[in-house]
Structures are given as C-alpha cells and as structure tokens.
C-alpha atoms as a PDB file:
ATOM      1  CA  UNK A   1     -24.854   4.350   3.079  1.00  0.00           C
ATOM      2  CA  UNK A   2     -24.580   2.560  -0.241  1.00  0.00           C
ATOM      3  CA  UNK A   3     -24.725  -1.207  -0.681  1.00  0.00           C
ATOM      4  CA  UNK A   4     -21.162  -1.464  -1.904  1.00  0.00           C
ATOM      5  CA  UNK A   5     -19.916   0.314   1.111  1.00  0.00           C
ATOM      6  CA  UNK A   6     -21.953  -1.979   3.414  1.00  0.00           C
ATOM      7  CA  UNK A   7     -20.592  -5.163   1.659  1.00  0.00           C
ATOM      8  CA  UNK A   8     -17.049  -3.835   1.827  1.00  0.00           C
ATOM      9  CA  UNK A   9     -17.267  -3.260   5.508  1.00  0.00           C
ATOM     10  CA  UNK A  10     -18.962  -6.643   6.241  1.00  0.00           C
ATOM     11  CA  UNK A  11     -16.311  -8.433   4.291  1.00  0.00           C
ATOM     12  CA  UNK A  12     -13.539  -6.458   5.959  1.00  0.00           C
ATOM     13  CA  UNK A  13     -14.992  -7.194   9.532  1.00  0.00           C
ATOM     14  CA  UNK A  14     -15.739 -10.806   8.644  1.00  0.00           C
ATOM     15  CA  UNK A  15     -12.210 -11.410   7.426  1.00  0.00           C
ATOM     16  CA  UNK A  16     -10.635  -9.694  10.375  1.00  0.00           C
ATOM     17  CA  UNK A  17     -12.643 -11.961  12.703  1.00  0.00           C
ATOM     18  CA  UNK A  18     -11.563 -14.930  10.487  1.00  0.00           C
ATOM     19  CA  UNK A  19      -7.923 -13.855  10.961  1.00  0.00           C
ATOM     20  CA  UNK A  20      -8.520 -14.117  14.677  1.00  0.00           C
ATOM     21  CA  UNK A  21     -10.394 -17.583  14.552  1.00  0.00           C
ATOM     22  CA  UNK A  22      -7.697 -18.992  12.005  1.00  0.00           C
ATOM     23  CA  UNK A  23      -4.806 -17.666  14.220  1.00  0.00           C
ATOM     24  CA  UNK A  24      -3.325 -21.050  14.819  1.00  0.00           C
ATOM     25  CA  UNK A  25      -2.676 -21.474  11.039  1.00  0.00           C
ATOM     26  CA  UNK A  26      -0.318 -18.812   9.801  1.00  0.00           C
ATOM     27  CA  UNK A  27      -1.217 -19.293   6.112  1.00  0.00           C
ATOM     28  CA  UNK A  28      -4.969 -19.045   6.691  1.00  0.00           C
ATOM     29  CA  UNK A  29      -4.666 -16.118   9.059  1.00  0.00           C
ATOM     30  CA  UNK A  30      -2.565 -14.128   6.556  1.00  0.00           C
ATOM     31  CA  UNK A  31      -4.925 -14.914   3.745  1.00  0.00           C
ATOM     32  CA  UNK A  32      -7.750 -13.603   5.979  1.00  0.00           C
ATOM     33  CA  UNK A  33      -5.625 -10.513   6.482  1.00  0.00           C
ATOM     34  CA  UNK A  34      -5.039  -9.913   2.812  1.00  0.00           C
ATOM     35  CA  UNK A  35      -8.745 -10.218   2.283  1.00  0.00           C
ATOM     36  CA  UNK A  36      -9.241  -7.669   5.011  1.00  0.00           C
ATOM     37  CA  UNK A  37      -6.816  -5.259   3.394  1.00  0.00           C
ATOM     38  CA  UNK A  38      -8.503  -5.689   0.058  1.00  0.00           C
ATOM     39  CA  UNK A  39     -12.004  -5.137   1.436  1.00  0.00           C
ATOM     40  CA  UNK A  40     -10.804  -2.147   3.506  1.00  0.00           C
ATOM     41  CA  UNK A  41      -9.164  -0.619   0.351  1.00  0.00           C
ATOM     42  CA  UNK A  42     -12.373  -1.245  -1.635  1.00  0.00           C
ATOM     43  CA  UNK A  43     -14.444   0.413   1.110  1.00  0.00           C
ATOM     44  CA  UNK A  44     -12.190   3.450   1.210  1.00  0.00           C
ATOM     45  CA  UNK A  45     -12.402   3.626  -2.589  1.00  0.00           C
ATOM     46  CA  UNK A  46     -16.161   3.523  -2.505  1.00  0.00           C
ATOM     47  CA  UNK A  47     -16.132   6.211   0.160  1.00  0.00           C
ATOM     48  CA  UNK A  48     -14.205   8.501  -2.160  1.00  0.00           C
ATOM     49  CA  UNK A  49     -11.016   8.378   0.131  1.00  0.00           C
ATOM     50  CA  UNK A  50      -8.764   8.744  -2.865  1.00  0.00           C
ATOM     51  CA  UNK A  51      -5.147   8.576  -2.231  1.00  0.00           C
ATOM     52  CA  UNK A  52      -5.659   7.498   1.441  1.00  0.00           C
ATOM     53  CA  UNK A  53      -7.301   4.188   0.142  1.00  0.00           C
ATOM     54  CA  UNK A  54      -4.132   3.518  -2.093  1.00  0.00           C
ATOM     55  CA  UNK A  55      -1.794   4.260   0.827  1.00  0.00           C
ATOM     56  CA  UNK A  56      -3.574   2.052   3.224  1.00  0.00           C
ATOM     57  CA  UNK A  57      -3.727  -0.970   0.796  1.00  0.00           C
ATOM     58  CA  UNK A  58      -0.065  -0.624  -0.343  1.00  0.00           C
ATOM     59  CA  UNK A  59       1.217  -0.273   3.323  1.00  0.00           C
ATOM     60  CA  UNK A  60      -1.070  -2.898   4.785  1.00  0.00           C
ATOM     61  CA  UNK A  61      -0.089  -5.487   2.070  1.00  0.00           C
ATOM     62  CA  UNK A  62       3.547  -4.763   2.349  1.00  0.00           C
ATOM     63  CA  UNK A  63       3.359  -5.233   6.206  1.00  0.00           C
ATOM     64  CA  UNK A  64       1.464  -8.432   5.773  1.00  0.00           C
ATOM     65  CA  UNK A  65       4.076  -9.685   3.294  1.00  0.00           C
ATOM     66  CA  UNK A  66       6.893  -8.814   5.634  1.00  0.00           C
ATOM     67  CA  UNK A  67       5.205 -10.629   8.439  1.00  0.00           C
ATOM     68  CA  UNK A  68       4.514 -13.634   6.193  1.00  0.00           C
ATOM     69  CA  UNK A  69       8.234 -13.797   4.849  1.00  0.00           C
ATOM     70  CA  UNK A  70       9.874 -13.219   8.313  1.00  0.00           C
ATOM     71  CA  UNK A  71       7.251 -15.163  10.245  1.00  0.00           C
ATOM     72  CA  UNK A  72       7.889 -18.272   8.290  1.00  0.00           C
ATOM     73  CA  UNK A  73      11.582 -17.822   8.625  1.00  0.00           C
ATOM     74  CA  UNK A  74      11.592 -17.463  12.268  1.00  0.00           C
ATOM     75  CA  UNK A  75       8.888 -20.073  13.151  1.00  0.00           C
ATOM     76  CA  UNK A  76      11.141 -23.110  13.354  1.00  0.00           C
ATOM     77  CA  UNK A  77      14.802 -22.349  12.509  1.00  0.00           C
ATOM     78  CA  UNK A  78      16.171 -25.889  13.319  1.00  0.00           C
ATOM     79  CA  UNK A  79      13.181 -27.448  11.755  1.00  0.00           C
ATOM     80  CA  UNK A  80      12.802 -29.913  14.615  1.00  0.00           C
ATOM     81  CA  UNK A  81       9.552 -28.616  16.459  1.00  0.00           C
ATOM     82  CA  UNK A  82       7.051 -28.428  13.504  1.00  0.00           C
ATOM     83  CA  UNK A  83       5.960 -31.120  11.102  1.00  0.00           C
ATOM     84  CA  UNK A  84       7.154 -31.093   7.509  1.00  0.00           C
ATOM     85  CA  UNK A  85       5.606 -28.286   5.549  1.00  0.00           C
ATOM     86  CA  UNK A  86       2.688 -29.280   3.133  1.00  0.00           C
ATOM     87  CA  UNK A  87       2.392 -28.341  -0.523  1.00  0.00           C
ATOM     88  CA  UNK A  88      -0.071 -25.396  -0.017  1.00  0.00           C
ATOM     89  CA  UNK A  89       2.196 -23.775   2.558  1.00  0.00           C
ATOM     90  CA  UNK A  90       5.124 -23.977   0.122  1.00  0.00           C
ATOM     91  CA  UNK A  91       3.081 -22.502  -2.569  1.00  0.00           C
ATOM     92  CA  UNK A  92       1.998 -19.599  -0.276  1.00  0.00           C
ATOM     93  CA  UNK A  93       5.545 -19.014   0.921  1.00  0.00           C
ATOM     94  CA  UNK A  94       6.785 -18.920  -2.699  1.00  0.00           C
ATOM     95  CA  UNK A  95       4.004 -16.491  -3.603  1.00  0.00           C
ATOM     96  CA  UNK A  96       4.875 -14.293  -0.654  1.00  0.00           C
ATOM     97  CA  UNK A  97       8.546 -14.192  -1.641  1.00  0.00           C
ATOM     98  CA  UNK A  98       7.751 -13.423  -5.259  1.00  0.00           C
ATOM     99  CA  UNK A  99       5.267 -10.613  -4.371  1.00  0.00           C
ATOM    100  CA  UNK A 100       7.614  -9.098  -1.884  1.00  0.00           C
ATOM    101  CA  UNK A 101      10.583  -9.363  -4.244  1.00  0.00           C
ATOM    102  CA  UNK A 102       8.591  -8.237  -7.140  1.00  0.00           C
ATOM    103  CA  UNK A 103       7.328  -5.171  -5.260  1.00  0.00           C
ATOM    104  CA  UNK A 104      10.815  -4.256  -4.223  1.00  0.00           C
ATOM    105  CA  UNK A 105      12.030  -4.547  -7.857  1.00  0.00           C
ATOM    106  CA  UNK A 106       9.139  -2.427  -9.077  1.00  0.00           C
ATOM    107  CA  UNK A 107       9.880   0.144  -6.479  1.00  0.00           C
ATOM    108  CA  UNK A 108      13.582   0.336  -7.352  1.00  0.00           C
ATOM    109  CA  UNK A 109      12.777   0.428 -11.006  1.00  0.00           C
ATOM    110  CA  UNK A 110      10.279   3.347 -10.654  1.00  0.00           C
ATOM    111  CA  UNK A 111      12.796   5.149  -8.458  1.00  0.00           C
ATOM    112  CA  UNK A 112      15.486   4.799 -11.107  1.00  0.00           C
ATOM    113  CA  UNK A 113      13.198   5.766 -14.038  1.00  0.00           C
ATOM    114  CA  UNK A 114      11.744   8.870 -12.319  1.00  0.00           C
ATOM    115  CA  UNK A 115      15.260  10.059 -11.066  1.00  0.00           C
ATOM    116  CA  UNK A 116      14.469   9.795  -7.425  1.00  0.00           C
ATOM    117  CA  UNK A 117      18.026   8.395  -6.821  1.00  0.00           C
ATOM    118  CA  UNK A 118      19.871  10.957  -8.901  1.00  0.00           C
ATOM    119  CA  UNK A 119      21.945  13.506  -7.105  1.00  0.00           C
ATOM    120  CA  UNK A 120      21.138  17.166  -7.925  1.00  0.00           C
ATOM    121  CA  UNK A 121      23.735  19.804  -7.257  1.00  0.00           C
ATOM    122  CA  UNK A 122      26.726  19.327  -4.937  1.00  0.00           C
ATOM    123  CA  UNK A 123      27.021  16.185  -2.935  1.00  0.00           C
ATOM    124  CA  UNK A 124      26.543  16.566   0.772  1.00  0.00           C
ATOM    125  CA  UNK A 125      29.678  16.865   2.904  1.00  0.00           C
ATOM    126  CA  UNK A 126      29.597  14.123   5.547  1.00  0.00           C
ATOM    127  CA  UNK A 127      30.740  14.830   9.075  1.00  0.00           C
ATOM    128  CA  UNK A 128      33.429  12.584  10.553  1.00  0.00           C
ATOM    129  CA  UNK A 129      32.324   9.931  13.093  1.00  0.00           C
ATOM    130  CA  UNK A 130      33.984  11.914  15.980  1.00  0.00           C
ATOM    131  CA  UNK A 131      31.771  14.911  15.193  1.00  0.00           C
ATOM    132  CA  UNK A 132      28.654  12.748  15.069  1.00  0.00           C
ATOM    133  CA  UNK A 133      29.553  11.172  18.342  1.00  0.00           C
ATOM    134  CA  UNK A 134      30.167  14.583  19.957  1.00  0.00           C
ATOM    135  CA  UNK A 135      26.791  15.822  18.704  1.00  0.00           C
ATOM    136  CA  UNK A 136      24.969  12.804  19.968  1.00  0.00           C
ATOM    137  CA  UNK A 137      26.574  12.027  23.264  1.00  0.00           C
ATOM    138  CA  UNK A 138      28.280  15.299  24.146  1.00  0.00           C
ATOM    139  CA  UNK A 139      30.026  15.044  27.522  1.00  0.00           C
ATOM    140  CA  UNK A 140      28.838  11.465  28.100  1.00  0.00           C
ATOM    141  CA  UNK A 141      30.899   9.957  25.353  1.00  0.00           C
ATOM    142  CA  UNK A 142      33.235   8.234  27.804  1.00  0.00           C
ATOM    143  CA  UNK A 143      30.294   6.796  29.623  1.00  0.00           C
ATOM    144  CA  UNK A 144      28.870   5.680  26.276  1.00  0.00           C
ATOM    145  CA  UNK A 145      32.028   3.814  25.481  1.00  0.00           C
ATOM    146  CA  UNK A 146      32.025   2.062  28.856  1.00  0.00           C
ATOM    147  CA  UNK A 147      28.368   1.035  28.443  1.00  0.00           C
ATOM    148  CA  UNK A 148      29.144  -0.293  24.929  1.00  0.00           C
ATOM    149  CA  UNK A 149      32.027  -2.339  26.186  1.00  0.00           C
ATOM    150  CA  UNK A 150      29.888  -3.669  29.037  1.00  0.00           C
ATOM    151  CA  UNK A 151      27.073  -4.816  26.596  1.00  0.00           C
ATOM    152  CA  UNK A 152      29.666  -6.413  24.324  1.00  0.00           C
ATOM    153  CA  UNK A 153      31.296  -8.265  27.263  1.00  0.00           C
ATOM    154  CA  UNK A 154      27.912  -9.414  28.445  1.00  0.00           C
ATOM    155  CA  UNK A 155      26.909 -10.673  24.989  1.00  0.00           C
ATOM    156  CA  UNK A 156      30.206 -12.511  24.762  1.00  0.00           C
ATOM    157  CA  UNK A 157      29.667 -14.106  28.093  1.00  0.00           C
ATOM    158  CA  UNK A 158      26.231 -15.246  27.110  1.00  0.00           C
ATOM    159  CA  UNK A 159      27.645 -16.655  23.834  1.00  0.00           C
ATOM    160  CA  UNK A 160      30.377 -18.621  25.763  1.00  0.00           C
ATOM    161  CA  UNK A 161      27.692 -19.998  28.158  1.00  0.00           C
ATOM    162  CA  UNK A 162      25.418 -21.081  25.196  1.00  0.00           C
ATOM    163  CA  UNK A 163      28.488 -22.782  23.545  1.00  0.00           C
ATOM    164  CA  UNK A 164      29.217 -24.568  26.822  1.00  0.00           C
ATOM    165  CA  UNK A 165      25.678 -25.773  27.193  1.00  0.00           C
ATOM    166  CA  UNK A 166      25.676 -27.052  23.558  1.00  0.00           C
ATOM    167  CA  UNK A 167      28.883 -29.131  24.233  1.00  0.00           C
ATOM    168  CA  UNK A 168      27.340 -30.691  27.342  1.00  0.00           C
ATOM    169  CA  UNK A 169      24.317 -32.097  25.365  1.00  0.00           C
END
C-alpha cells in the first residue's frame, strides 16, 4: 500500500470521526464531511478507481450541499429557538448556495451545449390521465379516490385544528 493511499485513508477516517464529534455544530460537521469526500476521492484516485472516484466525489458533494442548504432552511423556520447566526455561518451558507446554484447552472449549460435536451425524431405521444390511472390502479380506482378524499379530509381537519390552537394563544 502506498504512502498516498494510507494518508488519504487516514484523513478520510479522521474527518469522518470529526464529523461525528462536531455533530452539534452543523457548519463544522459539514466541513468535516467535505474533507471526508475529498479524501475519499483522492484515495480512490490513487487506487486507480477512475470513473468511480469522480462519481463518488460529485454525488457525495452534491448530497452534502443539499443537506447543508435544506438543513439550514429547516433548522429554525420561525427564528425563535436559535441564537442569531454568526458571520462564519452566514459565509458558509452563502458559499453553499453559490456552490449548489453554480453546479446546477453548469449542469444545465453542459446539457444544453451537448444537446442532451434536444428531441430527436417524433415527440412521444402522451397517454391521457384516465389511461394512466387505469394502468396504475386498475379495478381499485374507486377505492383510490376514496382513500385520496379521506387523506385530504384528514389534512384539512388537522389544518383547522392548528388554526384553532394558534388563535387561542
């Protein structure tokens, strides 16, 4: 085993342990996750994994960015449970949004330039919704409608109860 492979594995395992230890702070934990993804990609590259290393790094970084973006959005919606955000966290959030948005823009640009979104040949004929429903639900389509109406009624009831609780406070 080469020295570079050993160093990559040690850094990957150390940063994975750091992500667990720093789990109370989302920013530090995600930074440790990014270091883990980079070290794992480096280790796979040194081990001549080729295309697999590229796929692992891209998908891992994309998943961490999604967790970072949506995690910060869902942590405290009302902004009444957490203290005010400090400057490094705002910088990290902005960087995550820029990386995620930039990645999506690059992906769309490459798809447009390579012709991935172009339609070759005849356009597909789409089935009407009734045929799709018959294919998916078959003889149970009446029961499916009743179940859907029951779920909708339950959600409406919960919404009304929540509105009543909000007015009492």
